[in-house]
Amino acid sequence: MNIGIFSKTYENCSLEETFQKLNNDDIYHVQFNFASAGLSPLPDSIPAETIISIKTLAQQYSIKMDILTGTFNMIDPDIEARNEAIAQFELQCKAAHELGIPIVSLCTGSRNPESKWKWHDDNLKQDAWNDLIDTTKKIIKFAEKYNVILGVETEASNIINTADKARQYLNEINSPYLKIIMDGANLFHPGQKQPMKETLDNAFKLLGKDIVIAHAKDFSYDGSLKFVAAGEGELDFAYFIHLLHQVGYDGSIIMHGLSEQQIPSSKQFLERILSNE
């Protein structure tokens, strides 16, 4: 299992500087974000020379781009903004295909008008679910056209906020182009300190066969749930990685939710666990 990282963890860097830093940190797998190439994460256009530059530098520095960030609010209450994002998403899938990136990440979203990463009680309503299904059916066509997988994960603030809902979602869409990003920390909710192993076991029982990429961030409880760098919280990473191996997953585990300064310690933490598995 390879250790990777979100490319935008390296802030205020040119694309080549980012790849140089990856080499310096002995990391060769990334979740790529177009912000690392000086563009918006969801750009309205991507110059052909930018695609060429990304591919050339990735090859030069032996960087494997395992997944492309494509998150937008799939149930945005602003219908016009949602439709614009759906249209843009085709460009994201096309770029992933051109760059040889097999997976594009999703955010199932929230009815919260301020942020797709903030909860809103309207997420529980049937019309929110209907919008999620409608948006998914539209973007699945782009995934099929460009032969990329769409990766979804549970998010406490999103409409898909439990493993059970993720299973329901995959079953309803019923497409080989929709799979799971497994993030152990995202299985735990604010104010609900669920039993560790039982929560992980349930998620892997329901979703294990559909995992296409794994994320490595941690969580801590200090009156509320906070996301922290891997190794600085309460997630049982040894058991999490054991379950990944148990379901036959041998891809990358992508660090995020950390600063550049935290990379060495988190990477060493994961390496120790992987060496004992």
C-alpha atoms as a PDB file:
ATOM      1  CA  MET A   1       0.000   0.000   0.000  1.00  0.00           C
ATOM      2  CA  ASN A   2       1.452   3.354  -1.057  1.00  0.00           C
ATOM      3  CA  ILE A   3       1.320   6.499   1.064  1.00  0.00           C
ATOM      4  CA  GLY A   4       0.118   9.558  -0.849  1.00  0.00           C
ATOM      5  CA  ILE A   5      -1.088  13.069  -0.107  1.00  0.00           C
ATOM      6  CA  PHE A   6      -3.354  15.861  -1.345  1.00  0.00           C
ATOM      7  CA  SER A   7      -1.242  17.951  -3.713  1.00  0.00           C
ATOM      8  CA  LYS A   8      -2.614  21.207  -2.304  1.00  0.00           C
ATOM      9  CA  THR A   9      -1.095  20.397   1.096  1.00  0.00           C
ATOM     10  CA  TYR A  10       1.928  22.170  -0.354  1.00  0.00           C
ATOM     11  CA  GLU A  11       0.692  25.760  -0.379  1.00  0.00           C
ATOM     12  CA  ASN A  12       2.012  28.748  -2.314  1.00  0.00           C
ATOM     13  CA  CYS A  13       4.106  26.567  -4.592  1.00  0.00           C
ATOM     14  CA  SER A  14       4.408  26.294  -8.327  1.00  0.00           C
ATOM     15  CA  LEU A  15       3.541  22.937  -9.850  1.00  0.00           C
ATOM     16  CA  GLU A  16       7.199  22.004 -10.204  1.00  0.00           C
ATOM     17  CA  GLU A  17       7.939  23.099  -6.641  1.00  0.00           C
ATOM     18  CA  THR A  18       5.080  20.894  -5.438  1.00  0.00           C
ATOM     19  CA  PHE A  19       6.469  17.877  -7.269  1.00  0.00           C
ATOM     20  CA  GLN A  20       9.975  18.649  -5.990  1.00  0.00           C
ATOM     21  CA  LYS A  21       8.671  18.732  -2.432  1.00  0.00           C
ATOM     22  CA  LEU A  22       6.867  15.447  -2.962  1.00  0.00           C
ATOM     23  CA  ASN A  23      10.164  13.903  -4.025  1.00  0.00           C
ATOM     24  CA  ASN A  24      11.923  15.439  -1.021  1.00  0.00           C
ATOM     25  CA  ASP A  25       9.288  13.899   1.257  1.00  0.00           C
ATOM     26  CA  ASP A  26       9.602  10.543  -0.548  1.00  0.00           C
ATOM     27  CA  ILE A  27       5.950  10.640  -1.604  1.00  0.00           C
ATOM     28  CA  TYR A  28       5.012   9.609  -5.138  1.00  0.00           C
ATOM     29  CA  HIS A  29       1.215   9.322  -5.055  1.00  0.00           C
ATOM     30  CA  VAL A  30      -1.210  12.255  -4.916  1.00  0.00           C
ATOM     31  CA  GLN A  31      -4.791  13.351  -5.024  1.00  0.00           C
ATOM     32  CA  PHE A  32      -4.271  16.079  -7.569  1.00  0.00           C
ATOM     33  CA  ASN A  33      -5.934  19.467  -7.360  1.00  0.00           C
ATOM     34  CA  PHE A  34      -5.787  21.962 -10.216  1.00  0.00           C
ATOM     35  CA  ALA A  35      -4.958  24.635  -7.628  1.00  0.00           C
ATOM     36  CA  SER A  36      -1.482  23.088  -7.645  1.00  0.00           C
ATOM     37  CA  ALA A  37      -1.201  24.103 -11.297  1.00  0.00           C
ATOM     38  CA  GLY A  38      -2.261  27.682 -10.636  1.00  0.00           C
ATOM     39  CA  LEU A  39      -5.891  27.176 -11.671  1.00  0.00           C
ATOM     40  CA  SER A  40      -9.155  27.079  -9.792  1.00  0.00           C
ATOM     41  CA  PRO A  41      -9.831  23.627  -8.288  1.00  0.00           C
ATOM     42  CA  LEU A  42     -12.801  23.467 -10.707  1.00  0.00           C
ATOM     43  CA  PRO A  43     -11.577  25.577 -13.626  1.00  0.00           C
ATOM     44  CA  ASP A  44     -13.848  26.899 -16.355  1.00  0.00           C
ATOM     45  CA  SER A  45     -11.151  26.041 -18.895  1.00  0.00           C
ATOM     46  CA  ILE A  46      -7.902  24.117 -18.865  1.00  0.00           C
ATOM     47  CA  PRO A  47      -5.328  25.141 -21.480  1.00  0.00           C
ATOM     48  CA  ALA A  48      -3.862  22.269 -23.457  1.00  0.00           C
ATOM     49  CA  GLU A  49      -0.382  23.424 -22.479  1.00  0.00           C
ATOM     50  CA  THR A  50      -1.323  23.061 -18.807  1.00  0.00           C
ATOM     51  CA  ILE A  51      -2.311  19.439 -19.328  1.00  0.00           C
ATOM     52  CA  ILE A  52       0.978  18.827 -21.131  1.00  0.00           C
ATOM     53  CA  SER A  53       2.943  20.553 -18.369  1.00  0.00           C
ATOM     54  CA  ILE A  54       1.262  18.518 -15.623  1.00  0.00           C
ATOM     55  CA  LYS A  55       1.881  15.247 -17.459  1.00  0.00           C
ATOM     56  CA  THR A  56       5.502  16.144 -18.259  1.00  0.00           C
ATOM     57  CA  LEU A  57       6.376  17.185 -14.722  1.00  0.00           C
ATOM     58  CA  ALA A  58       4.565  14.213 -13.181  1.00  0.00           C
ATOM     59  CA  GLN A  59       6.622  11.899 -15.362  1.00  0.00           C
ATOM     60  CA  GLN A  60       9.831  13.813 -14.644  1.00  0.00           C
ATOM     61  CA  TYR A  61       9.319  13.528 -10.870  1.00  0.00           C
ATOM     62  CA  SER A  62       7.773  10.021 -10.951  1.00  0.00           C
ATOM     63  CA  ILE A  63       4.493  11.242  -9.475  1.00  0.00           C
ATOM     64  CA  LYS A  64       1.408   9.042  -9.849  1.00  0.00           C
ATOM     65  CA  MET A  65      -1.831  11.012  -9.779  1.00  0.00           C
ATOM     66  CA  ASP A  66      -4.265   8.474  -8.318  1.00  0.00           C
ATOM     67  CA  ILE A  67      -7.314  10.720  -8.063  1.00  0.00           C
ATOM     68  CA  LEU A  68      -8.426  14.200  -9.138  1.00  0.00           C
ATOM     69  CA  THR A  69     -10.386  16.508  -6.844  1.00  0.00           C
ATOM     70  CA  GLY A  70     -13.757  17.263  -8.426  1.00  0.00           C
ATOM     71  CA  THR A  71     -15.867  18.171  -5.408  1.00  0.00           C
ATOM     72  CA  PHE A  72     -18.853  20.439  -5.886  1.00  0.00           C
ATOM     73  CA  ASN A  73     -22.148  20.726  -4.019  1.00  0.00           C
ATOM     74  CA  MET A  74     -24.290  18.069  -5.667  1.00  0.00           C
ATOM     75  CA  ILE A  75     -27.452  19.269  -3.878  1.00  0.00           C
ATOM     76  CA  ASP A  76     -26.671  22.979  -3.872  1.00  0.00           C
ATOM     77  CA  PRO A  77     -29.864  24.881  -2.965  1.00  0.00           C
ATOM     78  CA  ASP A  78     -28.812  27.432  -5.609  1.00  0.00           C
ATOM     79  CA  ILE A  79     -30.061  25.539  -8.663  1.00  0.00           C
ATOM     80  CA  GLU A  80     -28.244  27.793 -11.119  1.00  0.00           C
ATOM     81  CA  ALA A  81     -24.930  27.290  -9.323  1.00  0.00           C
ATOM     82  CA  ARG A  82     -25.556  23.541  -9.174  1.00  0.00           C
ATOM     83  CA  ASN A  83     -26.234  23.349 -12.906  1.00  0.00           C
ATOM     84  CA  GLU A  84     -23.094  25.374 -13.668  1.00  0.00           C
ATOM     85  CA  ALA A  85     -21.044  22.988 -11.535  1.00  0.00           C
ATOM     86  CA  ILE A  86     -22.561  19.971 -13.291  1.00  0.00           C
ATOM     87  CA  ALA A  87     -21.580  21.442 -16.653  1.00  0.00           C
ATOM     88  CA  GLN A  88     -18.045  22.121 -15.401  1.00  0.00           C
ATOM     89  CA  PHE A  89     -17.726  18.592 -14.098  1.00  0.00           C
ATOM     90  CA  GLU A  90     -17.560  17.242 -17.619  1.00  0.00           C
ATOM     91  CA  LEU A  91     -14.347  19.229 -18.055  1.00  0.00           C
ATOM     92  CA  GLN A  92     -13.019  17.681 -14.844  1.00  0.00           C
ATOM     93  CA  CYS A  93     -13.692  14.175 -16.178  1.00  0.00           C
ATOM     94  CA  LYS A  94     -12.169  15.016 -19.561  1.00  0.00           C
ATOM     95  CA  ALA A  95      -9.042  16.384 -17.893  1.00  0.00           C
ATOM     96  CA  ALA A  96      -8.754  13.305 -15.676  1.00  0.00           C
ATOM     97  CA  HIS A  97      -8.886  11.132 -18.786  1.00  0.00           C
ATOM     98  CA  GLU A  98      -6.235  13.228 -20.541  1.00  0.00           C
ATOM     99  CA  LEU A  99      -3.970  13.097 -17.495  1.00  0.00           C
ATOM    100  CA  GLY A 100      -4.435   9.367 -16.995  1.00  0.00           C
ATOM    101  CA  ILE A 101      -6.099   9.888 -13.599  1.00  0.00           C
ATOM    102  CA  PRO A 102      -8.575   7.026 -13.033  1.00  0.00           C
ATOM    103  CA  ILE A 103     -10.773   8.562 -10.283  1.00  0.00           C
ATOM    104  CA  VAL A 104     -12.514  11.900  -9.712  1.00  0.00           C
ATOM    105  CA  SER A 105     -13.719  12.742  -6.199  1.00  0.00           C
ATOM    106  CA  LEU A 106     -17.255  13.875  -5.373  1.00  0.00           C
ATOM    107  CA  CYS A 107     -18.959  15.812  -2.578  1.00  0.00           C
ATOM    108  CA  THR A 108     -22.574  14.722  -2.178  1.00  0.00           C
ATOM    109  CA  GLY A 109     -23.166  18.128  -0.659  1.00  0.00           C
ATOM    110  CA  SER A 110     -25.454  19.966   1.697  1.00  0.00           C
ATOM    111  CA  ARG A 111     -28.491  22.228   1.533  1.00  0.00           C
ATOM    112  CA  ASN A 112     -26.497  24.720   3.588  1.00  0.00           C
ATOM    113  CA  PRO A 113     -26.290  27.882   1.452  1.00  0.00           C
ATOM    114  CA  GLU A 114     -22.980  28.916   3.035  1.00  0.00           C
ATOM    115  CA  SER A 115     -20.882  25.819   2.455  1.00  0.00           C
ATOM    116  CA  LYS A 116     -21.116  22.299   1.107  1.00  0.00           C
ATOM    117  CA  TRP A 117     -19.115  21.233   4.164  1.00  0.00           C
ATOM    118  CA  LYS A 118     -21.727  22.463   6.693  1.00  0.00           C
ATOM    119  CA  TRP A 119     -24.759  20.469   7.805  1.00  0.00           C
ATOM    120  CA  HIS A 120     -28.344  21.551   7.130  1.00  0.00           C
ATOM    121  CA  ASP A 121     -31.430  19.713   8.350  1.00  0.00           C
ATOM    122  CA  ASP A 122     -32.923  19.897   4.858  1.00  0.00           C
ATOM    123  CA  ASN A 123     -30.338  17.269   3.912  1.00  0.00           C
ATOM    124  CA  LEU A 124     -32.760  14.792   5.461  1.00  0.00           C
ATOM    125  CA  LYS A 125     -35.637  15.685   3.161  1.00  0.00           C
ATOM    126  CA  GLN A 126     -36.714  13.541   0.218  1.00  0.00           C
ATOM    127  CA  ASP A 127     -36.287  16.386  -2.261  1.00  0.00           C
ATOM    128  CA  ALA A 128     -32.599  16.644  -1.309  1.00  0.00           C
ATOM    129  CA  TRP A 129     -32.182  12.918  -1.997  1.00  0.00           C
ATOM    130  CA  ASN A 130     -34.020  13.294  -5.301  1.00  0.00           C
ATOM    131  CA  ASP A 131     -31.657  16.106  -6.316  1.00  0.00           C
ATOM    132  CA  LEU A 132     -28.636  13.984  -5.389  1.00  0.00           C
ATOM    133  CA  ILE A 133     -29.851  11.154  -7.595  1.00  0.00           C
ATOM    134  CA  ASP A 134     -30.662  13.543 -10.439  1.00  0.00           C
ATOM    135  CA  THR A 135     -27.220  15.185 -10.284  1.00  0.00           C
ATOM    136  CA  THR A 136     -25.498  11.812 -10.096  1.00  0.00           C
ATOM    137  CA  LYS A 137     -27.305  10.483 -13.147  1.00  0.00           C
ATOM    138  CA  LYS A 138     -26.153  13.532 -15.093  1.00  0.00           C
ATOM    139  CA  ILE A 139     -22.492  13.305 -14.131  1.00  0.00           C
ATOM    140  CA  ILE A 140     -22.321   9.509 -14.444  1.00  0.00           C
ATOM    141  CA  LYS A 141     -22.715  10.097 -18.174  1.00  0.00           C
ATOM    142  CA  PHE A 142     -19.476  12.085 -18.125  1.00  0.00           C
ATOM    143  CA  ALA A 143     -17.730   9.299 -16.217  1.00  0.00           C
ATOM    144  CA  GLU A 144     -18.877   6.797 -18.825  1.00  0.00           C
ATOM    145  CA  LYS A 145     -17.844   9.050 -21.701  1.00  0.00           C
ATOM    146  CA  TYR A 146     -14.309   9.574 -20.372  1.00  0.00           C
ATOM    147  CA  ASN A 147     -13.930   6.208 -18.620  1.00  0.00           C
ATOM    148  CA  VAL A 148     -13.222   7.502 -15.130  1.00  0.00           C
ATOM    149  CA  ILE A 149     -14.550   6.364 -11.765  1.00  0.00           C
ATOM    150  CA  LEU A 150     -16.414   8.771  -9.485  1.00  0.00           C
ATOM    151  CA  GLY A 151     -15.418   8.381  -5.845  1.00  0.00           C
ATOM    152  CA  VAL A 152     -17.810   9.239  -3.014  1.00  0.00           C
ATOM    153  CA  GLU A 153     -17.219   9.187   0.742  1.00  0.00           C
ATOM    154  CA  THR A 154     -19.292   9.637   3.843  1.00  0.00           C
ATOM    155  CA  GLU A 155     -19.156  13.170   5.280  1.00  0.00           C
ATOM    156  CA  ALA A 156     -20.849  14.068   8.557  1.00  0.00           C
ATOM    157  CA  SER A 157     -21.995  17.395   7.088  1.00  0.00           C
ATOM    158  CA  ASN A 158     -23.264  15.953   3.804  1.00  0.00           C
ATOM    159  CA  ILE A 159     -26.404  14.162   2.667  1.00  0.00           C
ATOM    160  CA  ILE A 160     -24.368  10.936   2.487  1.00  0.00           C
ATOM    161  CA  ASN A 161     -23.239  10.959   6.102  1.00  0.00           C
ATOM    162  CA  THR A 162     -23.248   7.274   7.061  1.00  0.00           C
ATOM    163  CA  ALA A 163     -22.061   4.012   5.562  1.00  0.00           C
ATOM    164  CA  ASP A 164     -25.680   2.850   5.363  1.00  0.00           C
ATOM    165  CA  LYS A 165     -26.678   5.855   3.252  1.00  0.00           C
ATOM    166  CA  ALA A 166     -23.617   5.363   1.063  1.00  0.00           C
ATOM    167  CA  ARG A 167     -24.699   1.777   0.422  1.00  0.00           C
ATOM    168  CA  GLN A 168     -28.235   2.928  -0.397  1.00  0.00           C
ATOM    169  CA  TYR A 169     -26.805   5.528  -2.779  1.00  0.00           C
ATOM    170  CA  LEU A 170     -24.574   3.049  -4.614  1.00  0.00           C
ATOM    171  CA  ASN A 171     -27.427   0.558  -4.889  1.00  0.00           C
ATOM    172  CA  GLU A 172     -29.822   3.119  -6.312  1.00  0.00           C
ATOM    173  CA  ILE A 173     -27.370   4.440  -8.907  1.00  0.00           C
ATOM    174  CA  ASN A 174     -26.159   0.904  -9.672  1.00  0.00           C
ATOM    175  CA  SER A 175     -23.229   1.917 -11.858  1.00  0.00           C
ATOM    176  CA  PRO A 176     -19.687   0.527 -12.095  1.00  0.00           C
ATOM    177  CA  TYR A 177     -18.572   4.153 -12.455  1.00  0.00           C
ATOM    178  CA  LEU A 178     -19.565   5.088  -8.883  1.00  0.00           C
ATOM    179  CA  LYS A 179     -17.358   3.756  -6.091  1.00  0.00           C
ATOM    180  CA  ILE A 180     -16.180   4.523  -2.555  1.00  0.00           C
ATOM    181  CA  ILE A 181     -13.433   6.662  -1.087  1.00  0.00           C
ATOM    182  CA  MET A 182     -12.905   5.157   2.364  1.00  0.00           C
ATOM    183  CA  ASP A 183     -12.010   7.730   5.008  1.00  0.00           C
ATOM    184  CA  GLY A 184     -12.127   6.210   8.484  1.00  0.00           C
ATOM    185  CA  ALA A 185     -12.350   9.561  10.260  1.00  0.00           C
ATOM    186  CA  ASN A 186     -15.450  10.518   8.278  1.00  0.00           C
ATOM    187  CA  LEU A 187     -17.410   7.630   9.763  1.00  0.00           C
ATOM    188  CA  PHE A 188     -17.622   9.408  13.124  1.00  0.00           C
ATOM    189  CA  HIS A 189     -20.009  12.249  13.904  1.00  0.00           C
ATOM    190  CA  PRO A 190     -19.843  15.290  16.188  1.00  0.00           C
ATOM    191  CA  GLY A 191     -21.393  14.541  19.568  1.00  0.00           C
ATOM    192  CA  GLN A 192     -21.667  10.833  18.771  1.00  0.00           C
ATOM    193  CA  LYS A 193     -18.594   8.931  19.856  1.00  0.00           C
ATOM    194  CA  GLN A 194     -19.488   5.665  18.210  1.00  0.00           C
ATOM    195  CA  PRO A 195     -17.757   2.402  19.178  1.00  0.00           C
ATOM    196  CA  MET A 196     -14.535   2.321  17.159  1.00  0.00           C
ATOM    197  CA  LYS A 197     -14.270  -1.214  15.819  1.00  0.00           C
ATOM    198  CA  GLU A 198     -18.010  -1.726  15.403  1.00  0.00           C
ATOM    199  CA  THR A 199     -18.278   1.459  13.326  1.00  0.00           C
ATOM    200  CA  LEU A 200     -15.339   0.501  11.123  1.00  0.00           C
ATOM    201  CA  ASP A 201     -16.569  -3.093  10.783  1.00  0.00           C
ATOM    202  CA  ASN A 202     -20.001  -1.937   9.657  1.00  0.00           C
ATOM    203  CA  ALA A 203     -18.568   0.439   7.052  1.00  0.00           C
ATOM    204  CA  PHE A 204     -16.301  -2.197   5.563  1.00  0.00           C
ATOM    205  CA  LYS A 205     -19.069  -4.801   5.592  1.00  0.00           C
ATOM    206  CA  LEU A 206     -21.310  -2.473   3.604  1.00  0.00           C
ATOM    207  CA  LEU A 207     -18.754  -0.755   1.369  1.00  0.00           C
ATOM    208  CA  GLY A 208     -15.521  -2.748   1.377  1.00  0.00           C
ATOM    209  CA  LYS A 209     -15.978  -4.309  -2.045  1.00  0.00           C
ATOM    210  CA  ASP A 210     -16.461  -0.885  -3.644  1.00  0.00           C
ATOM    211  CA  ILE A 211     -13.398   0.933  -2.261  1.00  0.00           C
ATOM    212  CA  VAL A 212     -11.204   2.503  -4.957  1.00  0.00           C
ATOM    213  CA  ILE A 213      -9.091   4.850  -2.829  1.00  0.00           C
ATOM    214  CA  ALA A 214      -8.441   5.364   0.885  1.00  0.00           C
ATOM    215  CA  HIS A 215      -7.907   8.609   2.795  1.00  0.00           C
ATOM    216  CA  ALA A 216      -5.782   9.021   5.903  1.00  0.00           C
ATOM    217  CA  LYS A 217      -6.897  11.712   8.282  1.00  0.00           C
ATOM    218  CA  ASP A 218      -7.614  11.431  11.977  1.00  0.00           C
ATOM    219  CA  PHE A 219     -10.144  12.827  14.427  1.00  0.00           C
ATOM    220  CA  SER A 220     -10.096  13.926  18.028  1.00  0.00           C
ATOM    221  CA  TYR A 221     -12.739  14.681  20.636  1.00  0.00           C
ATOM    222  CA  ASP A 222     -12.247  17.780  22.750  1.00  0.00           C
ATOM    223  CA  GLY A 223     -15.824  18.676  23.513  1.00  0.00           C
ATOM    224  CA  SER A 224     -16.472  18.415  19.792  1.00  0.00           C
ATOM    225  CA  LEU A 225     -15.166  16.355  16.902  1.00  0.00           C
ATOM    226  CA  LYS A 226     -12.161  17.820  15.115  1.00  0.00           C
ATOM    227  CA  PHE A 227     -10.187  16.487  12.175  1.00  0.00           C
ATOM    228  CA  VAL A 228      -6.441  16.272  12.715  1.00  0.00           C
ATOM    229  CA  ALA A 229      -3.382  14.794  11.028  1.00  0.00           C
ATOM    230  CA  ALA A 230      -3.036  11.010  10.932  1.00  0.00           C
ATOM    231  CA  GLY A 231      -1.476   9.829  14.173  1.00  0.00           C
ATOM    232  CA  GLU A 232      -2.616  12.808  16.236  1.00  0.00           C
ATOM    233  CA  GLY A 233      -6.129  11.608  17.049  1.00  0.00           C
ATOM    234  CA  GLU A 234      -8.201   8.640  18.117  1.00  0.00           C
ATOM    235  CA  LEU A 235      -8.792   6.658  14.934  1.00  0.00           C
ATOM    236  CA  ASP A 236      -7.550   3.082  15.241  1.00  0.00           C
ATOM    237  CA  PHE A 237      -5.395   3.200  12.116  1.00  0.00           C
ATOM    238  CA  ALA A 238      -3.945  -0.253  12.698  1.00  0.00           C
ATOM    239  CA  TYR A 239      -7.439  -1.728  12.555  1.00  0.00           C
ATOM    240  CA  PHE A 240      -8.461   0.544   9.678  1.00  0.00           C
ATOM    241  CA  ILE A 241      -5.514  -0.608   7.566  1.00  0.00           C
ATOM    242  CA  HIS A 242      -6.106  -4.220   8.621  1.00  0.00           C
ATOM    243  CA  LEU A 243      -9.654  -3.939   7.252  1.00  0.00           C
ATOM    244  CA  LEU A 244      -8.355  -2.416   4.006  1.00  0.00           C
ATOM    245  CA  HIS A 245      -6.062  -5.401   3.556  1.00  0.00           C
ATOM    246  CA  GLN A 246      -8.858  -7.782   4.510  1.00  0.00           C
ATOM    247  CA  VAL A 247     -11.074  -6.568   1.648  1.00  0.00           C
ATOM    248  CA  GLY A 248      -8.153  -6.847  -0.780  1.00  0.00           C
ATOM    249  CA  TYR A 249      -7.411  -3.149  -1.139  1.00  0.00           C
ATOM    250  CA  ASP A 250      -3.811  -2.533  -2.205  1.00  0.00           C
ATOM    251  CA  GLY A 251      -3.966   1.014  -3.593  1.00  0.00           C
ATOM    252  CA  SER A 252      -2.804   4.260  -2.053  1.00  0.00           C
ATOM    253  CA  ILE A 253      -3.728   5.751   1.288  1.00  0.00           C
ATOM    254  CA  ILE A 254      -3.877   9.505   0.802  1.00  0.00           C
ATOM    255  CA  MET A 255      -2.967  11.817   3.687  1.00  0.00           C
ATOM    256  CA  HIS A 256      -4.935  15.016   4.131  1.00  0.00           C
ATOM    257  CA  GLY A 257      -6.207  17.347   6.817  1.00  0.00           C
ATOM    258  CA  LEU A 258      -2.637  18.200   7.772  1.00  0.00           C
ATOM    259  CA  SER A 259      -0.128  20.995   7.263  1.00  0.00           C
ATOM    260  CA  GLU A 260       3.090  20.686   5.313  1.00  0.00           C
ATOM    261  CA  GLN A 261       4.986  20.732   8.604  1.00  0.00           C
ATOM    262  CA  GLN A 262       3.051  17.679   9.821  1.00  0.00           C
ATOM    263  CA  ILE A 263       3.866  15.536   6.791  1.00  0.00           C
ATOM    264  CA  PRO A 264       7.009  13.793   8.142  1.00  0.00           C
ATOM    265  CA  SER A 265       5.443  12.702  11.437  1.00  0.00           C
ATOM    266  CA  SER A 266       2.185  11.507   9.839  1.00  0.00           C
ATOM    267  CA  LYS A 267       4.036   9.649   7.112  1.00  0.00           C
ATOM    268  CA  GLN A 268       6.282   7.933   9.666  1.00  0.00           C
ATOM    269  CA  PHE A 269       3.209   7.000  11.720  1.00  0.00           C
ATOM    270  CA  LEU A 270       1.543   5.353   8.719  1.00  0.00           C
ATOM    271  CA  GLU A 271       4.765   3.628   7.667  1.00  0.00           C
ATOM    272  CA  ARG A 272       5.074   2.025  11.095  1.00  0.00           C
ATOM    273  CA  ILE A 273       1.559   0.663  10.918  1.00  0.00           C
ATOM    274  CA  LEU A 274       1.941  -0.577   7.342  1.00  0.00           C
ATOM    275  CA  SER A 275       5.205  -2.341   8.210  1.00  0.00           C
ATOM    276  CA  ASN A 276       3.406  -4.295  10.958  1.00  0.00           C
ATOM    277  CA  GLU A 277       0.427  -5.334   8.856  1.00  0.00           C
END
